[in-house]
Amino acid sequence: MAFDGHYLKIGSCTFQSPAIKREGYNINSKIVQVTDQKVLASGKLSIKELEHKPTKISITFPVMTMAQMRVYKQAFRGELTTEDEMYLTVEYYDLESDTYLTGTFYHTDLVYTPVIYNGQNMVLVDTVKLMEH
């Protein structure tokens, strides 16, 4: 499945109003994790990779209204039962494979700053980082 207009989907939210900034979607997919590394007597580096290769995603939004921010905040809460849980099922566009993949992610806190934009009270959300679990 090729790109169909959204970079990210959590539940039914595709983050289209406002849309994620085009230059604000950064993905690092299939990160190699090393559990053990050593230098052999021959001088060659021996690395033991973990089977799980997680993805990291950073997203940046343009300024938005408080109502828009509340919708996004709810999407990032997902179907959580307590304030402390932060795991989400995320569908994301993987540029390298030109497909949508799904994974379990946790995210950084949603930090926002009130701003005046075109004479209207708006909010600016800091970059949100998602790390696959």
C-alpha atoms as a PDB file:
ATOM      1  CA  MET A   1       0.000   0.000   0.000  1.00  0.00           C
ATOM      2  CA  ALA A   2       1.531   3.321  -1.052  1.00  0.00           C
ATOM      3  CA  PHE A   3       1.210   6.637   0.790  1.00  0.00           C
ATOM      4  CA  ASP A   4      -2.467   7.570   1.084  1.00  0.00           C
ATOM      5  CA  GLY A   5      -2.268  11.055   2.602  1.00  0.00           C
ATOM      6  CA  HIS A   6      -1.413  10.526   6.284  1.00  0.00           C
ATOM      7  CA  TYR A   7       1.857   9.759   7.995  1.00  0.00           C
ATOM      8  CA  LEU A   8       0.503   8.439  11.261  1.00  0.00           C
ATOM      9  CA  LYS A   9      -2.667   6.864  12.589  1.00  0.00           C
ATOM     10  CA  ILE A  10      -3.558   6.173  16.205  1.00  0.00           C
ATOM     11  CA  GLY A  11      -7.030   4.705  16.585  1.00  0.00           C
ATOM     12  CA  SER A  12      -9.133   6.651  14.099  1.00  0.00           C
ATOM     13  CA  CYS A  13      -7.000   9.826  14.308  1.00  0.00           C
ATOM     14  CA  THR A  14      -4.844  10.481  11.231  1.00  0.00           C
ATOM     15  CA  PHE A  15      -3.547  13.865  12.407  1.00  0.00           C
ATOM     16  CA  GLN A  16      -4.905  15.775   9.410  1.00  0.00           C
ATOM     17  CA  SER A  17      -6.394  18.857  11.100  1.00  0.00           C
ATOM     18  CA  PRO A  18      -3.840  20.335  11.300  1.00  0.00           C
ATOM     19  CA  ALA A  19      -1.623  17.989   9.314  1.00  0.00           C
ATOM     20  CA  ILE A  20       1.808  16.988  10.544  1.00  0.00           C
ATOM     21  CA  LYS A  21       4.371  19.299   8.993  1.00  0.00           C
ATOM     22  CA  ARG A  22       5.841  17.657   5.888  1.00  0.00           C
ATOM     23  CA  GLU A  23       9.362  18.462   7.068  1.00  0.00           C
ATOM     24  CA  GLY A  24       8.328  17.486  10.605  1.00  0.00           C
ATOM     25  CA  TYR A  25       7.922  13.748  10.006  1.00  0.00           C
ATOM     26  CA  ASN A  26      11.195  11.986  10.681  1.00  0.00           C
ATOM     27  CA  ILE A  27      11.494   8.235  10.832  1.00  0.00           C
ATOM     28  CA  ASN A  28      14.364   5.951  11.714  1.00  0.00           C
ATOM     29  CA  SER A  29      13.123   2.444  10.975  1.00  0.00           C
ATOM     30  CA  LYS A  30      14.519  -0.930  11.889  1.00  0.00           C
ATOM     31  CA  ILE A  31      17.203   0.342  14.252  1.00  0.00           C
ATOM     32  CA  VAL A  32      19.827  -2.300  14.959  1.00  0.00           C
ATOM     33  CA  GLN A  33      20.241  -2.880  18.686  1.00  0.00           C
ATOM     34  CA  VAL A  34      23.362  -4.527  20.033  1.00  0.00           C
ATOM     35  CA  THR A  35      23.315  -6.680  23.129  1.00  0.00           C
ATOM     36  CA  ASP A  36      26.940  -7.794  23.176  1.00  0.00           C
ATOM     37  CA  GLN A  37      30.033  -6.607  21.401  1.00  0.00           C
ATOM     38  CA  LYS A  38      33.661  -7.555  21.760  1.00  0.00           C
ATOM     39  CA  VAL A  39      36.908  -7.409  19.877  1.00  0.00           C
ATOM     40  CA  LEU A  40      38.207 -10.843  18.938  1.00  0.00           C
ATOM     41  CA  ALA A  41      41.885 -11.805  19.198  1.00  0.00           C
ATOM     42  CA  SER A  42      42.106 -11.236  15.444  1.00  0.00           C
ATOM     43  CA  GLY A  43      41.102  -7.610  15.988  1.00  0.00           C
ATOM     44  CA  LYS A  44      37.723  -8.128  14.316  1.00  0.00           C
ATOM     45  CA  LEU A  45      34.689  -6.657  16.063  1.00  0.00           C
ATOM     46  CA  SER A  46      32.051  -9.240  16.989  1.00  0.00           C
ATOM     47  CA  ILE A  47      28.539  -7.868  17.497  1.00  0.00           C
ATOM     48  CA  LYS A  48      25.467  -9.723  18.705  1.00  0.00           C
ATOM     49  CA  GLU A  49      22.333  -8.029  17.404  1.00  0.00           C
ATOM     50  CA  LEU A  50      18.957  -8.237  19.088  1.00  0.00           C
ATOM     51  CA  GLU A  51      16.168  -9.703  16.973  1.00  0.00           C
ATOM     52  CA  HIS A  52      13.819  -6.757  17.613  1.00  0.00           C
ATOM     53  CA  LYS A  53      14.612  -3.775  15.400  1.00  0.00           C
ATOM     54  CA  PRO A  54      12.467  -0.878  16.630  1.00  0.00           C
ATOM     55  CA  THR A  55      11.438   2.281  14.831  1.00  0.00           C
ATOM     56  CA  LYS A  56      11.691   5.843  16.134  1.00  0.00           C
ATOM     57  CA  ILE A  57       9.441   8.596  14.808  1.00  0.00           C
ATOM     58  CA  SER A  58       9.496  12.351  15.457  1.00  0.00           C
ATOM     59  CA  ILE A  59       6.541  14.518  14.486  1.00  0.00           C
ATOM     60  CA  THR A  60       6.072  18.266  14.505  1.00  0.00           C
ATOM     61  CA  PHE A  61       2.771  20.085  14.160  1.00  0.00           C
ATOM     62  CA  PRO A  62       1.964  23.638  13.076  1.00  0.00           C
ATOM     63  CA  VAL A  63       0.207  25.916  15.557  1.00  0.00           C
ATOM     64  CA  MET A  64      -3.289  24.686  16.377  1.00  0.00           C
ATOM     65  CA  THR A  65      -6.379  25.592  18.324  1.00  0.00           C
ATOM     66  CA  MET A  66      -6.975  24.220  21.801  1.00  0.00           C
ATOM     67  CA  ALA A  67      -9.823  22.096  20.380  1.00  0.00           C
ATOM     68  CA  GLN A  68      -7.482  20.530  17.811  1.00  0.00           C
ATOM     69  CA  MET A  69      -4.842  19.926  20.477  1.00  0.00           C
ATOM     70  CA  ARG A  70      -7.414  18.170  22.707  1.00  0.00           C
ATOM     71  CA  VAL A  71      -8.273  15.767  19.852  1.00  0.00           C
ATOM     72  CA  TYR A  72      -4.595  14.951  19.380  1.00  0.00           C
ATOM     73  CA  LYS A  73      -4.010  14.650  23.112  1.00  0.00           C
ATOM     74  CA  GLN A  74      -6.860  12.127  23.334  1.00  0.00           C
ATOM     75  CA  ALA A  75      -5.402  10.137  20.435  1.00  0.00           C
ATOM     76  CA  PHE A  76      -2.059   9.956  22.248  1.00  0.00           C
ATOM     77  CA  ARG A  77      -3.877   8.726  25.337  1.00  0.00           C
ATOM     78  CA  GLY A  78      -5.359   5.883  23.286  1.00  0.00           C
ATOM     79  CA  GLU A  79      -7.422   3.392  25.217  1.00  0.00           C
ATOM     80  CA  LEU A  80      -5.340   3.711  28.350  1.00  0.00           C
ATOM     81  CA  THR A  81      -6.730   2.816  31.731  1.00  0.00           C
ATOM     82  CA  THR A  82      -4.427   5.018  33.819  1.00  0.00           C
ATOM     83  CA  GLU A  83      -2.486   8.246  33.331  1.00  0.00           C
ATOM     84  CA  ASP A  84       0.804   6.344  33.727  1.00  0.00           C
ATOM     85  CA  GLU A  85       0.382   4.043  30.716  1.00  0.00           C
ATOM     86  CA  MET A  86       1.811   5.397  27.484  1.00  0.00           C
ATOM     87  CA  TYR A  87       1.761   2.464  25.038  1.00  0.00           C
ATOM     88  CA  LEU A  88      -0.085   2.863  21.756  1.00  0.00           C
ATOM     89  CA  THR A  89      -0.707   0.846  18.629  1.00  0.00           C
ATOM     90  CA  VAL A  90       0.476   3.110  15.833  1.00  0.00           C
ATOM     91  CA  GLU A  91       0.127   2.728  12.096  1.00  0.00           C
ATOM     92  CA  TYR A  92       2.878   4.706  10.403  1.00  0.00           C
ATOM     93  CA  TYR A  93       4.091   5.378   6.925  1.00  0.00           C
ATOM     94  CA  ASP A  94       7.513   3.869   6.287  1.00  0.00           C
ATOM     95  CA  LEU A  95       9.199   5.886   3.549  1.00  0.00           C
ATOM     96  CA  GLU A  96      11.790   3.210   2.785  1.00  0.00           C
ATOM     97  CA  SER A  97       9.266   0.480   1.966  1.00  0.00           C
ATOM     98  CA  ASP A  98       6.475   2.849   0.787  1.00  0.00           C
ATOM     99  CA  THR A  99       4.012   0.979   2.999  1.00  0.00           C
ATOM    100  CA  TYR A 100       2.157   1.394   6.258  1.00  0.00           C
ATOM    101  CA  LEU A 101       3.467  -0.619   9.171  1.00  0.00           C
ATOM    102  CA  THR A 102       1.999  -1.118  12.632  1.00  0.00           C
ATOM    103  CA  GLY A 103       3.844  -1.276  15.933  1.00  0.00           C
ATOM    104  CA  THR A 104       3.500  -0.714  19.660  1.00  0.00           C
ATOM    105  CA  PHE A 105       5.032   2.607  20.662  1.00  0.00           C
ATOM    106  CA  TYR A 106       5.438   4.809  23.681  1.00  0.00           C
ATOM    107  CA  HIS A 107       5.790   8.549  23.360  1.00  0.00           C
ATOM    108  CA  THR A 108       7.275  11.573  25.025  1.00  0.00           C
ATOM    109  CA  ASP A 109       5.012  13.902  26.982  1.00  0.00           C
ATOM    110  CA  LEU A 110       2.833  16.322  25.043  1.00  0.00           C
ATOM    111  CA  VAL A 111       4.213  19.719  25.932  1.00  0.00           C
ATOM    112  CA  TYR A 112       2.496  22.766  24.518  1.00  0.00           C
ATOM    113  CA  THR A 113       2.904  26.522  24.723  1.00  0.00           C
ATOM    114  CA  PRO A 114       0.093  29.056  24.379  1.00  0.00           C
ATOM    115  CA  VAL A 115       0.734  31.518  21.539  1.00  0.00           C
ATOM    116  CA  ILE A 116      -1.145  34.298  19.782  1.00  0.00           C
ATOM    117  CA  TYR A 117      -1.347  33.595  16.052  1.00  0.00           C
ATOM    118  CA  ASN A 118      -3.218  35.932  13.696  1.00  0.00           C
ATOM    119  CA  GLY A 119      -4.849  37.493  16.755  1.00  0.00           C
ATOM    120  CA  GLN A 120      -6.216  34.139  17.954  1.00  0.00           C
ATOM    121  CA  ASN A 121      -5.293  32.093  21.042  1.00  0.00           C
ATOM    122  CA  MET A 122      -3.499  29.006  19.738  1.00  0.00           C
ATOM    123  CA  VAL A 123      -1.037  26.411  21.011  1.00  0.00           C
ATOM    124  CA  LEU A 124       2.303  25.223  19.729  1.00  0.00           C
ATOM    125  CA  VAL A 125       3.064  21.594  20.558  1.00  0.00           C
ATOM    126  CA  ASP A 126       6.700  20.567  21.048  1.00  0.00           C
ATOM    127  CA  THR A 127       8.044  17.796  18.803  1.00  0.00           C
ATOM    128  CA  VAL A 128       6.568  14.452  19.840  1.00  0.00           C
ATOM    129  CA  LYS A 129       8.809  11.415  19.743  1.00  0.00           C
ATOM    130  CA  LEU A 130       7.476   7.879  19.394  1.00  0.00           C
ATOM    131  CA  MET A 131       9.679   4.887  20.196  1.00  0.00           C
ATOM    132  CA  GLU A 132       8.681   1.370  19.257  1.00  0.00           C
ATOM    133  CA  HIS A 133       8.556  -1.048  22.141  1.00  0.00           C
END
